[in-house]
Protein backbone atom coordinates (compact mmCIF):
# COMPACT_ATOMS: atom_id res chain seq x y z
CA MET A 1 124.54 90.51 90.21
CA VAL A 2 120.69 90.01 89.25
CA LYS A 3 118.02 88.54 92.18
CA VAL A 4 114.26 89.49 92.44
CA VAL A 5 114.31 90.79 96.62
CA ARG A 6 110.66 90.66 98.62
CA THR A 7 111.06 93.52 100.71
CA CYS A 8 108.20 93.59 103.48
CA THR A 9 108.05 96.58 106.16
CA HIS A 10 106.46 97.19 109.56
CA SER A 11 103.47 99.68 109.90
CA ALA A 12 104.89 103.08 110.48
CA ALA A 13 103.35 105.84 112.05
CA MET A 14 102.23 105.01 115.16
CA GLY A 15 100.26 102.30 113.61
CA LEU A 16 98.65 104.64 110.59
CA ILE A 17 100.85 103.54 108.10
CA SER A 18 99.97 99.21 107.07
CA PRO A 19 102.87 97.35 106.83
CA ARG A 20 103.91 97.07 103.36
CA ASP A 21 105.58 94.69 100.38
CA PHE A 22 107.69 95.02 97.64
CA ILE A 23 109.10 92.99 94.90
CA ASP A 24 111.82 94.30 93.25
CA LEU A 25 114.45 93.18 90.94
CA CYS A 26 117.50 93.94 91.94
CA ILE A 27 121.00 94.45 89.50
CA THR A 28 124.30 95.44 91.57
CA ASP A 29 127.92 96.26 90.07
CA SER A 30 131.11 97.11 91.73
CA THR A 31 134.58 98.70 90.48
CA GLU A 32 137.60 99.09 92.43
CA ASP A 33 135.17 102.48 92.93
CA TYR A 34 132.40 102.44 94.09
CA LEU A 35 129.20 99.45 94.43
CA SER A 36 126.36 100.43 93.62
CA THR A 37 122.59 98.65 93.79
CA VAL A 38 120.03 99.43 90.83
CA ALA A 39 115.96 98.66 91.66
CA GLN A 40 112.82 98.68 89.74
CA SER A 41 109.26 96.74 91.10
CA ILE A 42 107.79 93.85 89.14
CA GLU A 43 104.94 90.97 89.07
CA HIS A 44 106.77 87.82 89.78
CA THR A 45 104.26 84.75 89.87
CA ASP A 46 106.78 83.15 93.40
CA SER A 47 104.88 86.74 95.58
CA PRO A 48 101.82 87.95 94.74
CA ALA A 49 99.86 90.07 96.95
CA ASP A 50 99.29 88.94 100.46
CA GLN A 51 96.81 91.75 100.72
CA THR A 52 95.66 89.94 104.40
CA LYS A 53 98.81 91.50 105.51
CA TYR A 54 100.01 94.10 103.88
CA VAL A 55 99.80 96.61 100.94
CA ARG A 56 101.42 96.02 98.06
CA GLY A 57 104.11 99.53 97.81
CA THR A 58 106.13 99.76 94.07
CA ASN A 59 109.48 101.30 93.76
CA TYR A 60 110.11 103.12 91.15
CA PRO A 61 113.66 103.33 88.88
CA CYS A 62 116.11 103.91 92.96
CA GLY A 63 119.02 103.03 94.24
CA ILE A 64 121.85 103.64 96.51
CA THR A 65 125.69 103.52 95.06
CA CYS A 66 128.33 104.35 97.52
CA PHE A 67 131.43 105.78 96.01
CA LYS A 68 135.33 105.42 97.29
CA VAL A 69 137.40 108.80 98.33
CA LYS A 70 140.25 109.15 97.00
CA ASP A 71 143.08 109.64 99.29
CA GLU A 72 140.76 109.05 102.39
CA PRO A 73 140.20 105.25 103.13
CA ASN A 74 138.24 105.89 105.51
CA ARG A 75 135.45 107.71 103.83
CA THR A 76 132.86 106.64 101.52
CA ARG A 77 130.45 109.13 99.91
CA LEU A 78 127.09 107.61 99.68
CA VAL A 79 123.97 108.33 96.34
CA THR A 80 121.10 107.48 96.56
CA PHE A 81 117.73 108.02 94.93
CA CYS A 82 114.71 106.84 96.01
CA HIS A 83 110.79 106.88 94.37
CA ALA A 84 108.08 105.11 95.59
CA ASP A 85 104.44 104.42 95.71
CA LEU A 86 103.14 102.90 99.02
CA GLY A 87 100.13 102.38 97.73
CA GLY A 88 96.85 101.98 99.89
CA MET A 89 94.39 104.91 100.78
CA LEU A 90 97.19 107.30 102.54
CA PRO A 91 96.59 110.76 103.28
CA GLN A 92 99.35 112.30 101.57
CA GLN A 93 100.49 114.61 104.08
CA LEU A 94 100.85 111.34 106.46
CA VAL A 95 103.40 110.18 103.86
CA LYS A 96 105.46 112.96 103.25
CA SER A 97 105.92 113.31 107.55
CA ALA A 98 107.01 109.13 107.01
CA LEU A 99 109.64 109.11 104.76
CA PRO A 100 112.02 111.23 106.01
CA GLY A 101 111.87 109.11 108.99
CA SER A 102 111.81 105.67 107.75
CA MET A 103 114.90 107.12 105.50
CA VAL A 104 117.18 108.41 108.21
CA ASP A 105 116.54 104.58 110.00
CA PHE A 106 117.85 103.42 107.41
CA PHE A 107 121.10 105.07 106.91
CA ILE A 108 121.48 104.19 110.64
CA ASN A 109 120.80 100.37 110.58
CA LEU A 110 122.95 100.29 108.19
CA ARG A 111 125.97 102.67 109.62
CA GLN A 112 125.49 100.07 112.30
CA ALA A 113 125.47 97.06 110.37
CA LEU A 114 128.83 98.22 108.09
CA GLU A 115 130.21 98.72 112.07
CA ASP A 116 129.10 95.02 113.40
CA GLU A 117 131.13 94.32 109.90
CA LYS A 118 134.73 95.26 111.20
């Protein structure tokens, strides 16, 4: 499946990082052994940057793949890679300190969403 996705984030680091938006081309593929989504930012005429509300960020090639663990039906091996440019005028130390927490929050929310679907 191929689709264009707009993702909007809230402000972070106690408001020091403004809300961001990202426009990505996402490709999802699956087999009996894995489910994978990869993405990269694109420019899209239907989603011009709204500079009054968001700073436009860029996702370089990134993705997440969930692999079945052989002989362990209740386990999944997760592989992810992310390379993002948050855009705007941000001190690199602020970015380096905020991103790990955002990634942890993503996986906590992912786990909760998966548990809710059970």
